[in-house]
Amino acid sequence: MKLVRRGLSRLLLHVINMLVVPLELVSPRIYMIFYTWLLAKYGIKFTGVPRYISSRVRFDDFDLVTMGDRSVLSKYVILLTHDYSITTALIANGQTPPTDVATRRPIHIGNNVFIGMNVIVMPGTTIGDNVIVGAGSVLRGKVPSDSIMVGNPAVRVGGLSDDPGRWIERSQGEFANRDAS
């Protein structure tokens, strides 16, 4: 019965997501108020107010995700909290289990974190504060605060505080775009 309720609950979330997409396009601020409330009802823990979570983000298990203040999850980010590869490894080592075996580990996202498009966050990942994760990266383990992470597997290529002038220059450059207040 629990599985049926969970399945129906997720189906309802997908239906609501389809209804929310136009709001996301018209007014991201209003969308975020509604969507954050909805995700909290599904079990995500918020330790602040996220800046933006795309309706296209995939959450594996809502109850195992914690998100900090001013966090951003771009389109097509996947947050994986389970790992079934244990079954494959056991079988490869002659230890066939009677059923599939999985581990479930939480994901913690700190404050002021930007996660780019198509990033995969693996089970058990903890992301510190003030972190940028480049598009397409695969992130796992402990990510220290003040990091810029890119690649598969993601590696630290610098820190946000390494060259503050670079960020000021970019914020005032020809390609800078400011959101309406």
C-alpha atoms as a PDB file:
ATOM      1  CA  MET A   1       0.000   0.000   0.000  1.00  0.00           C
ATOM      2  CA  LYS A   2       2.902   2.346   0.818  1.00  0.00           C
ATOM      3  CA  LEU A   3       4.310   1.898  -2.702  1.00  0.00           C
ATOM      4  CA  VAL A   4       0.941   2.681  -4.262  1.00  0.00           C
ATOM      5  CA  ARG A   5       0.633   5.879  -2.193  1.00  0.00           C
ATOM      6  CA  ARG A   6       4.174   6.894  -3.123  1.00  0.00           C
ATOM      7  CA  GLY A   7       3.488   6.251  -6.811  1.00  0.00           C
ATOM      8  CA  LEU A   8       0.247   8.244  -6.760  1.00  0.00           C
ATOM      9  CA  SER A   9       1.972  11.036  -4.848  1.00  0.00           C
ATOM     10  CA  ARG A  10       4.737  11.267  -7.459  1.00  0.00           C
ATOM     11  CA  LEU A  11       2.179  11.164 -10.267  1.00  0.00           C
ATOM     12  CA  LEU A  12       0.360  14.074  -8.632  1.00  0.00           C
ATOM     13  CA  LEU A  13       3.631  16.002  -8.393  1.00  0.00           C
ATOM     14  CA  HIS A  14       4.276  15.485 -12.129  1.00  0.00           C
ATOM     15  CA  VAL A  15       0.766  16.710 -12.962  1.00  0.00           C
ATOM     16  CA  ILE A  16       1.255  19.781 -10.754  1.00  0.00           C
ATOM     17  CA  ASN A  17       4.642  20.361 -12.409  1.00  0.00           C
ATOM     18  CA  MET A  18       2.972  20.494 -15.834  1.00  0.00           C
ATOM     19  CA  LEU A  19       0.559  23.106 -14.489  1.00  0.00           C
ATOM     20  CA  VAL A  20       3.357  25.114 -12.858  1.00  0.00           C
ATOM     21  CA  VAL A  21       5.594  25.405 -15.949  1.00  0.00           C
ATOM     22  CA  PRO A  22       3.661  28.391 -17.404  1.00  0.00           C
ATOM     23  CA  LEU A  23       3.967  30.190 -14.052  1.00  0.00           C
ATOM     24  CA  GLU A  24       7.713  29.493 -14.063  1.00  0.00           C
ATOM     25  CA  LEU A  25       7.979  31.215 -17.449  1.00  0.00           C
ATOM     26  CA  VAL A  26       5.765  34.196 -16.587  1.00  0.00           C
ATOM     27  CA  SER A  27       6.831  34.952 -13.007  1.00  0.00           C
ATOM     28  CA  PRO A  28       9.784  33.003 -11.623  1.00  0.00           C
ATOM     29  CA  ARG A  29       9.480  34.747  -8.240  1.00  0.00           C
ATOM     30  CA  ILE A  30       5.852  33.705  -7.710  1.00  0.00           C
ATOM     31  CA  TYR A  31       6.632  30.252  -9.117  1.00  0.00           C
ATOM     32  CA  MET A  32       9.423  29.827  -6.533  1.00  0.00           C
ATOM     33  CA  ILE A  33       7.139  30.690  -3.622  1.00  0.00           C
ATOM     34  CA  PHE A  34       4.647  28.039  -4.717  1.00  0.00           C
ATOM     35  CA  TYR A  35       7.203  25.437  -5.835  1.00  0.00           C
ATOM     36  CA  THR A  36       9.331  25.673  -2.677  1.00  0.00           C
ATOM     37  CA  TRP A  37       6.203  25.179  -0.564  1.00  0.00           C
ATOM     38  CA  LEU A  38       5.238  22.153  -2.690  1.00  0.00           C
ATOM     39  CA  LEU A  39       8.706  20.562  -2.473  1.00  0.00           C
ATOM     40  CA  ALA A  40       8.736  21.054   1.296  1.00  0.00           C
ATOM     41  CA  LYS A  41       5.410  19.206   1.480  1.00  0.00           C
ATOM     42  CA  TYR A  42       7.047  16.343  -0.425  1.00  0.00           C
ATOM     43  CA  GLY A  43       9.891  16.189   2.122  1.00  0.00           C
ATOM     44  CA  ILE A  44      12.754  18.390   0.976  1.00  0.00           C
ATOM     45  CA  LYS A  45      14.342  20.217   3.895  1.00  0.00           C
ATOM     46  CA  PHE A  46      15.132  23.897   3.349  1.00  0.00           C
ATOM     47  CA  THR A  47      17.548  25.729   5.650  1.00  0.00           C
ATOM     48  CA  GLY A  48      16.866  29.019   3.910  1.00  0.00           C
ATOM     49  CA  VAL A  49      15.100  30.351   0.834  1.00  0.00           C
ATOM     50  CA  PRO A  50      16.371  28.912  -2.450  1.00  0.00           C
ATOM     51  CA  ARG A  51      16.884  31.369  -5.301  1.00  0.00           C
ATOM     52  CA  TYR A  52      15.628  29.075  -8.076  1.00  0.00           C
ATOM     53  CA  ILE A  53      14.762  25.416  -8.653  1.00  0.00           C
ATOM     54  CA  SER A  54      13.822  24.461 -12.190  1.00  0.00           C
ATOM     55  CA  SER A  55      10.642  22.445 -12.620  1.00  0.00           C
ATOM     56  CA  ARG A  56      12.828  20.063 -14.671  1.00  0.00           C
ATOM     57  CA  VAL A  57      15.028  19.060 -11.700  1.00  0.00           C
ATOM     58  CA  ARG A  58      14.726  15.365 -10.836  1.00  0.00           C
ATOM     59  CA  PHE A  59      14.657  14.417  -7.173  1.00  0.00           C
ATOM     60  CA  ASP A  60      15.274  10.757  -6.436  1.00  0.00           C
ATOM     61  CA  ASP A  61      14.052  10.836  -2.834  1.00  0.00           C
ATOM     62  CA  PHE A  62      12.701  14.082  -1.444  1.00  0.00           C
ATOM     63  CA  ASP A  63      13.243  13.074   2.194  1.00  0.00           C
ATOM     64  CA  LEU A  64      17.008  12.795   1.716  1.00  0.00           C
ATOM     65  CA  VAL A  65      17.644  16.263   0.219  1.00  0.00           C
ATOM     66  CA  THR A  66      18.534  19.388   2.215  1.00  0.00           C
ATOM     67  CA  MET A  67      18.967  22.736   0.452  1.00  0.00           C
ATOM     68  CA  GLY A  68      20.443  25.968   1.772  1.00  0.00           C
ATOM     69  CA  ASP A  69      19.705  29.650   1.326  1.00  0.00           C
ATOM     70  CA  ARG A  70      20.072  31.224  -2.152  1.00  0.00           C
ATOM     71  CA  SER A  71      20.704  27.860  -3.817  1.00  0.00           C
ATOM     72  CA  VAL A  72      20.052  27.451  -7.539  1.00  0.00           C
ATOM     73  CA  LEU A  73      19.256  24.169  -9.307  1.00  0.00           C
ATOM     74  CA  SER A  74      19.253  24.674 -13.070  1.00  0.00           C
ATOM     75  CA  LYS A  75      17.312  22.727 -15.658  1.00  0.00           C
ATOM     76  CA  TYR A  76      17.823  18.943 -15.889  1.00  0.00           C
ATOM     77  CA  VAL A  77      19.808  18.612 -12.643  1.00  0.00           C
ATOM     78  CA  ILE A  78      19.464  15.111 -11.183  1.00  0.00           C
ATOM     79  CA  LEU A  79      19.814  14.487  -7.448  1.00  0.00           C
ATOM     80  CA  LEU A  80      20.451  10.755  -6.929  1.00  0.00           C
ATOM     81  CA  THR A  81      20.106   9.439  -3.402  1.00  0.00           C
ATOM     82  CA  HIS A  82      20.121   5.714  -4.187  1.00  0.00           C
ATOM     83  CA  ASP A  83      22.697   3.286  -5.549  1.00  0.00           C
ATOM     84  CA  TYR A  84      21.789  -0.194  -6.811  1.00  0.00           C
ATOM     85  CA  SER A  85      25.269  -0.995  -8.125  1.00  0.00           C
ATOM     86  CA  ILE A  86      25.873  -3.052  -4.987  1.00  0.00           C
ATOM     87  CA  THR A  87      23.728  -5.839  -6.456  1.00  0.00           C
ATOM     88  CA  THR A  88      25.857  -5.894  -9.613  1.00  0.00           C
ATOM     89  CA  ALA A  89      29.092  -5.994  -7.585  1.00  0.00           C
ATOM     90  CA  LEU A  90      27.817  -8.788  -5.334  1.00  0.00           C
ATOM     91  CA  ILE A  91      26.797 -10.913  -8.334  1.00  0.00           C
ATOM     92  CA  ALA A  92      30.167 -10.270 -10.008  1.00  0.00           C
ATOM     93  CA  ASN A  93      31.837 -11.589  -6.847  1.00  0.00           C
ATOM     94  CA  GLY A  94      29.712 -14.730  -6.638  1.00  0.00           C
ATOM     95  CA  GLN A  95      27.465 -13.454  -3.851  1.00  0.00           C
ATOM     96  CA  THR A  96      24.074 -13.306  -5.579  1.00  0.00           C
ATOM     97  CA  PRO A  97      21.593 -11.738  -3.148  1.00  0.00           C
ATOM     98  CA  PRO A  98      18.000 -13.034  -3.020  1.00  0.00           C
ATOM     99  CA  THR A  99      16.813  -9.560  -4.109  1.00  0.00           C
ATOM    100  CA  ASP A 100      18.317  -6.263  -5.216  1.00  0.00           C
ATOM    101  CA  VAL A 101      20.340  -4.394  -2.613  1.00  0.00           C
ATOM    102  CA  ALA A 102      20.546  -0.606  -2.551  1.00  0.00           C
ATOM    103  CA  THR A 103      22.048   2.088  -0.412  1.00  0.00           C
ATOM    104  CA  ARG A 104      20.304   5.395   0.194  1.00  0.00           C
ATOM    105  CA  ARG A 105      22.392   8.367   1.249  1.00  0.00           C
ATOM    106  CA  PRO A 106      21.430  12.023   1.715  1.00  0.00           C
ATOM    107  CA  ILE A 107      22.451  15.044  -0.330  1.00  0.00           C
ATOM    108  CA  HIS A 108      23.205  18.349   1.408  1.00  0.00           C
ATOM    109  CA  ILE A 109      23.455  21.581  -0.578  1.00  0.00           C
ATOM    110  CA  GLY A 110      24.899  24.590   1.258  1.00  0.00           C
ATOM    111  CA  ASN A 111      24.120  28.303   1.051  1.00  0.00           C
ATOM    112  CA  ASN A 112      24.752  30.369  -2.077  1.00  0.00           C
ATOM    113  CA  VAL A 113      25.297  27.367  -4.358  1.00  0.00           C
ATOM    114  CA  PHE A 114      24.779  27.480  -8.132  1.00  0.00           C
ATOM    115  CA  ILE A 115      24.373  24.106  -9.880  1.00  0.00           C
ATOM    116  CA  GLY A 116      24.448  24.362 -13.683  1.00  0.00           C
ATOM    117  CA  MET A 117      22.374  22.494 -16.271  1.00  0.00           C
ATOM    118  CA  ASN A 118      22.588  18.713 -16.597  1.00  0.00           C
ATOM    119  CA  VAL A 119      24.586  18.195 -13.400  1.00  0.00           C
ATOM    120  CA  ILE A 120      24.264  14.838 -11.648  1.00  0.00           C
ATOM    121  CA  VAL A 121      24.689  14.914  -7.874  1.00  0.00           C
ATOM    122  CA  MET A 122      25.533  11.442  -6.573  1.00  0.00           C
ATOM    123  CA  PRO A 123      24.339   9.840  -3.309  1.00  0.00           C
ATOM    124  CA  GLY A 124      26.047  11.042  -0.149  1.00  0.00           C
ATOM    125  CA  THR A 125      27.260  14.323  -1.642  1.00  0.00           C
ATOM    126  CA  THR A 126      27.705  17.329   0.648  1.00  0.00           C
ATOM    127  CA  ILE A 127      28.214  20.706  -1.012  1.00  0.00           C
ATOM    128  CA  GLY A 128      29.628  23.528   1.112  1.00  0.00           C
ATOM    129  CA  ASP A 129      28.691  27.213   0.933  1.00  0.00           C
ATOM    130  CA  ASN A 130      29.565  29.551  -1.954  1.00  0.00           C
ATOM    131  CA  VAL A 131      30.013  26.919  -4.665  1.00  0.00           C
ATOM    132  CA  ILE A 132      29.543  26.948  -8.437  1.00  0.00           C
ATOM    133  CA  VAL A 133      29.120  23.597 -10.226  1.00  0.00           C
ATOM    134  CA  GLY A 134      29.631  23.807 -13.988  1.00  0.00           C
ATOM    135  CA  ALA A 135      27.095  22.432 -16.454  1.00  0.00           C
ATOM    136  CA  GLY A 136      27.308  18.717 -17.186  1.00  0.00           C
ATOM    137  CA  SER A 137      29.412  17.898 -14.132  1.00  0.00           C
ATOM    138  CA  VAL A 138      29.065  14.746 -12.066  1.00  0.00           C
ATOM    139  CA  LEU A 139      29.475  15.602  -8.416  1.00  0.00           C
ATOM    140  CA  ARG A 140      30.178  13.233  -5.548  1.00  0.00           C
ATOM    141  CA  GLY A 141      31.689  13.276  -2.094  1.00  0.00           C
ATOM    142  CA  LYS A 142      32.445  16.373  -0.052  1.00  0.00           C
ATOM    143  CA  VAL A 143      32.705  19.661  -1.943  1.00  0.00           C
ATOM    144  CA  PRO A 144      34.503  22.327   0.093  1.00  0.00           C
ATOM    145  CA  SER A 145      33.055  25.811   0.486  1.00  0.00           C
ATOM    146  CA  ASP A 146      34.400  28.501  -1.877  1.00  0.00           C
ATOM    147  CA  SER A 147      34.831  26.121  -4.822  1.00  0.00           C
ATOM    148  CA  ILE A 148      34.298  26.093  -8.561  1.00  0.00           C
ATOM    149  CA  MET A 149      33.719  22.483  -9.641  1.00  0.00           C
ATOM    150  CA  VAL A 150      33.667  21.199 -13.243  1.00  0.00           C
ATOM    151  CA  GLY A 151      33.911  17.930 -15.125  1.00  0.00           C
ATOM    152  CA  ASN A 152      33.131  14.241 -14.880  1.00  0.00           C
ATOM    153  CA  PRO A 153      34.129  13.479 -12.225  1.00  0.00           C
ATOM    154  CA  ALA A 154      33.921  17.061 -11.011  1.00  0.00           C
ATOM    155  CA  VAL A 155      37.176  18.553  -9.771  1.00  0.00           C
ATOM    156  CA  ARG A 156      37.893  21.839  -8.036  1.00  0.00           C
ATOM    157  CA  VAL A 157      39.354  24.292 -10.551  1.00  0.00           C
ATOM    158  CA  GLY A 158      39.390  27.340  -8.288  1.00  0.00           C
ATOM    159  CA  GLY A 159      37.586  29.305  -5.664  1.00  0.00           C
ATOM    160  CA  LEU A 160      35.084  32.130  -5.822  1.00  0.00           C
ATOM    161  CA  SER A 161      37.318  34.308  -3.668  1.00  0.00           C
ATOM    162  CA  ASP A 162      40.526  33.674  -5.678  1.00  0.00           C
ATOM    163  CA  ASP A 163      40.011  36.731  -7.927  1.00  0.00           C
ATOM    164  CA  PRO A 164      37.133  38.953  -6.724  1.00  0.00           C
ATOM    165  CA  GLY A 165      37.807  41.510  -9.457  1.00  0.00           C
ATOM    166  CA  ARG A 166      36.909  38.951 -12.113  1.00  0.00           C
ATOM    167  CA  TRP A 167      33.351  38.684 -10.782  1.00  0.00           C
ATOM    168  CA  ILE A 168      32.947  42.458 -10.497  1.00  0.00           C
ATOM    169  CA  GLU A 169      34.171  42.856 -14.076  1.00  0.00           C
ATOM    170  CA  ARG A 170      31.758  40.216 -15.347  1.00  0.00           C
ATOM    171  CA  SER A 171      28.831  41.781 -13.474  1.00  0.00           C
ATOM    172  CA  GLN A 172      29.436  45.098 -15.241  1.00  0.00           C
ATOM    173  CA  GLY A 173      30.461  43.801 -18.645  1.00  0.00           C
ATOM    174  CA  GLU A 174      28.667  43.913 -21.963  1.00  0.00           C
ATOM    175  CA  PHE A 175      26.978  40.547 -21.413  1.00  0.00           C
ATOM    176  CA  ALA A 176      25.747  41.199 -17.856  1.00  0.00           C
ATOM    177  CA  ASN A 177      21.981  40.999 -17.446  1.00  0.00           C
ATOM    178  CA  ARG A 178      20.119  42.002 -14.297  1.00  0.00           C
ATOM    179  CA  ASP A 179      16.810  40.538 -13.131  1.00  0.00           C
ATOM    180  CA  ALA A 180      13.931  42.924 -12.575  1.00  0.00           C
ATOM    181  CA  SER A 181      13.453  43.682  -8.890  1.00  0.00           C
END
